Amino acid sequence: MIEEREYLTFKVKGEEFGVDILYVQEIRVWSSVTELPNKPDYFKGIINLRGVIIPVIDLRQRFDMEPLEYDAQTVTIILRCQGSEPVHAISIVVDSVSEVYKVSKKDIKPAPAFGHHIDSCFVNGLASIDDKLIILLDTEKLLDQEELYHVEDKEKWLEPAHGVP
């Protein structure tokens, strides 16, 4: 028996990425967020979605790519841990949403090292679909708070604002 999964694909800096569709709660157009102090640049802020506070992460910046001005194509994808109580979700900002593809487990190839631009802990593998290569992300790792908020210089964003102890 061949196991197939569906992946929602989206673009970030011209590259196509995919996340397991079972984790996708919804897709929304970009809207303003509540900003928080002392945070990494890729952490855009939080939103209140039907009573649940959700952190908003810019995937471009999280993958150490230059930021892009948000426009009508910019979307956020709300990802939610399966069956978690209390609800654990994040919103990732991407350039645009592409399609949903069925991918057979046998068609997923291991990913090579990506250097420092994409933390390889987020990459589940690569799939070749319709003559294009899609980077499949590990949705569990995207939702893992320890991995998501990991930065090399945490002290920089953990310091009190304006020298206040």
Protein backbone atom coordinates (compact mmCIF):
# COMPACT_ATOMS: atom_id res chain seq x y z
CA MET A 1 0.00 0.00 0.00
CA ILE A 2 1.39 3.39 -1.00
CA GLU A 3 0.90 6.15 1.52
CA GLU A 4 -0.05 9.51 0.03
CA ARG A 5 -0.30 12.85 1.76
CA GLU A 6 -1.65 16.15 0.57
CA TYR A 7 0.54 19.23 0.82
CA LEU A 8 -0.50 22.85 0.56
CA THR A 9 2.21 24.59 -1.43
CA PHE A 10 3.22 28.22 -1.26
CA LYS A 11 5.97 30.49 -2.52
CA VAL A 12 8.71 32.21 -0.55
CA LYS A 13 11.29 34.13 -2.59
CA GLY A 14 10.43 32.22 -5.75
CA GLU A 15 10.88 28.79 -4.14
CA GLU A 16 7.92 26.49 -3.64
CA PHE A 17 7.40 24.98 -0.21
CA GLY A 18 4.77 22.60 1.07
CA VAL A 19 3.17 21.81 4.43
CA ASP A 20 1.01 18.83 5.33
CA ILE A 21 -2.55 19.98 4.66
CA LEU A 22 -3.82 18.21 7.78
CA TYR A 23 -2.15 20.96 9.83
CA VAL A 24 -3.64 23.84 7.84
CA GLN A 25 -6.48 25.46 9.75
CA GLU A 26 -7.09 28.30 7.33
CA ILE A 27 -5.55 30.70 4.83
CA ARG A 28 -6.00 34.45 5.31
CA VAL A 29 -4.94 37.59 3.51
CA TRP A 30 -2.35 39.66 5.35
CA SER A 31 -3.82 41.93 8.02
CA SER A 32 -2.21 43.96 10.74
CA VAL A 33 -0.91 42.31 13.90
CA THR A 34 -0.34 43.39 17.48
CA GLU A 35 3.39 43.93 17.82
CA LEU A 36 5.30 42.89 20.91
CA PRO A 37 8.56 44.36 22.22
CA ASN A 38 11.91 42.55 22.40
CA LYS A 39 11.33 39.96 19.71
CA PRO A 40 13.27 38.59 16.74
CA ASP A 41 12.64 40.40 13.42
CA TYR A 42 10.83 37.42 11.90
CA PHE A 43 8.29 37.40 14.76
CA LYS A 44 5.77 39.93 13.41
CA GLY A 45 3.45 39.92 16.41
CA ILE A 46 0.23 38.20 17.43
CA ILE A 47 -3.36 37.99 16.25
CA ASN A 48 -6.53 37.07 18.10
CA LEU A 49 -8.36 34.48 16.01
CA ARG A 50 -11.72 33.65 17.54
CA GLY A 51 -10.34 33.92 21.06
CA VAL A 52 -7.03 32.13 20.39
CA ILE A 53 -3.83 34.18 20.49
CA ILE A 54 -1.63 33.15 17.57
CA PRO A 55 1.98 34.21 16.93
CA VAL A 56 2.71 35.47 13.40
CA ILE A 57 6.04 34.42 11.87
CA ASP A 58 7.43 35.77 8.59
CA LEU A 59 8.84 32.64 6.96
CA ARG A 60 11.13 34.66 4.66
CA GLN A 61 12.83 36.28 7.60
CA ARG A 62 12.82 33.07 9.67
CA PHE A 63 14.73 31.43 6.82
CA ASP A 64 17.18 34.35 6.86
CA MET A 65 15.98 35.86 3.57
CA GLU A 66 15.47 39.56 2.94
CA PRO A 67 12.04 40.85 3.97
CA LEU A 68 9.43 41.67 1.35
CA GLU A 69 6.88 44.46 1.48
CA TYR A 70 3.48 42.89 2.13
CA ASP A 71 0.91 43.34 -0.66
CA ALA A 72 -2.39 41.89 -1.93
CA GLN A 73 -0.66 38.55 -2.73
CA THR A 74 0.78 38.17 0.79
CA VAL A 75 -1.08 35.58 2.81
CA THR A 76 -0.86 33.99 6.20
CA ILE A 77 -1.37 30.29 6.71
CA ILE A 78 -2.68 29.29 10.12
CA LEU A 79 -1.12 25.97 11.16
CA ARG A 80 -2.49 24.03 14.10
CA CYS A 81 -1.16 21.05 16.05
CA GLN A 82 -3.44 18.08 15.62
CA GLY A 83 -5.63 17.50 18.66
CA SER A 84 -3.69 19.78 20.97
CA GLU A 85 -5.49 21.27 23.94
CA PRO A 86 -5.08 24.07 24.63
CA VAL A 87 -4.96 24.98 20.96
CA HIS A 88 -1.38 25.48 19.74
CA ALA A 89 -1.23 27.32 16.44
CA ILE A 90 1.02 29.68 14.52
CA SER A 91 0.50 31.85 11.49
CA ILE A 92 3.21 31.88 8.84
CA VAL A 93 3.49 34.78 6.40
CA VAL A 94 4.30 33.65 2.84
CA ASP A 95 4.55 35.43 -0.51
CA SER A 96 1.62 33.56 -2.09
CA VAL A 97 -0.25 30.27 -1.96
CA SER A 98 0.12 27.87 -4.90
CA GLU A 99 -1.75 24.56 -4.98
CA VAL A 100 -2.54 21.37 -3.13
CA TYR A 101 -0.66 18.27 -4.31
CA LYS A 102 -0.91 14.60 -3.42
CA VAL A 103 2.55 13.24 -2.79
CA SER A 104 3.40 9.57 -2.40
CA LYS A 105 5.79 8.77 0.43
CA LYS A 106 8.06 6.99 -2.07
CA ASP A 107 8.37 10.22 -4.10
CA ILE A 108 9.83 12.22 -1.19
CA LYS A 109 13.62 12.43 -1.37
CA PRO A 110 15.93 13.47 1.48
CA ALA A 111 17.01 17.09 1.37
CA PRO A 112 20.64 18.12 0.98
CA ALA A 113 22.20 20.61 3.40
CA PHE A 114 20.89 24.12 2.68
CA GLY A 115 23.61 26.08 4.44
CA HIS A 116 22.55 28.78 6.87
CA HIS A 117 19.64 30.19 4.81
CA ILE A 118 17.12 27.51 5.65
CA ASP A 119 17.46 25.72 8.94
CA SER A 120 17.47 22.10 7.82
CA CYS A 121 15.51 21.09 10.92
CA PHE A 122 12.40 22.45 9.17
CA VAL A 123 12.89 20.43 5.97
CA ASN A 124 11.18 17.05 5.72
CA GLY A 125 12.28 16.28 2.15
CA LEU A 126 11.95 17.21 -1.50
CA ALA A 127 9.28 16.20 -3.98
CA SER A 128 9.44 16.54 -7.75
CA ILE A 129 5.97 17.40 -9.08
CA ASP A 130 5.14 18.57 -12.60
CA ASP A 131 8.81 19.27 -13.39
CA LYS A 132 9.31 21.45 -10.32
CA LEU A 133 10.99 20.78 -7.02
CA ILE A 134 8.96 21.41 -3.87
CA ILE A 135 10.62 21.72 -0.46
CA LEU A 136 8.40 19.87 2.01
CA LEU A 137 8.53 21.38 5.47
CA ASP A 138 8.19 19.44 8.70
CA THR A 139 5.02 20.96 10.09
CA GLU A 140 5.62 19.50 13.55
CA LYS A 141 8.97 21.35 13.69
CA LEU A 142 7.35 24.57 12.44
CA LEU A 143 4.92 24.32 15.33
CA ASP A 144 7.64 23.44 17.86
CA GLN A 145 8.17 26.58 19.93
CA GLU A 146 11.77 25.70 20.81
CA GLU A 147 12.74 25.37 17.12
CA LEU A 148 10.60 28.25 15.91
CA TYR A 149 11.97 30.85 18.26
CA HIS A 150 15.57 29.64 18.13
CA VAL A 151 17.98 32.35 17.05
CA GLU A 152 21.75 32.42 17.32
CA ASP A 153 21.83 35.54 19.48
CA LYS A 154 18.85 35.17 21.82
CA GLU A 155 20.35 37.62 24.30
CA LYS A 156 19.85 40.39 21.73
CA TRP A 157 16.07 40.10 21.81
CA LEU A 158 15.74 38.99 25.44
CA GLU A 159 17.31 42.18 26.85
CA PRO A 160 14.92 44.62 28.53
CA ALA A 161 13.80 47.50 26.31
CA HIS A 162 15.67 50.78 26.63
CA GLY A 163 17.91 49.47 29.42
CA VAL A 164 15.00 48.93 31.83
CA PRO A 165 15.84 46.01 34.17
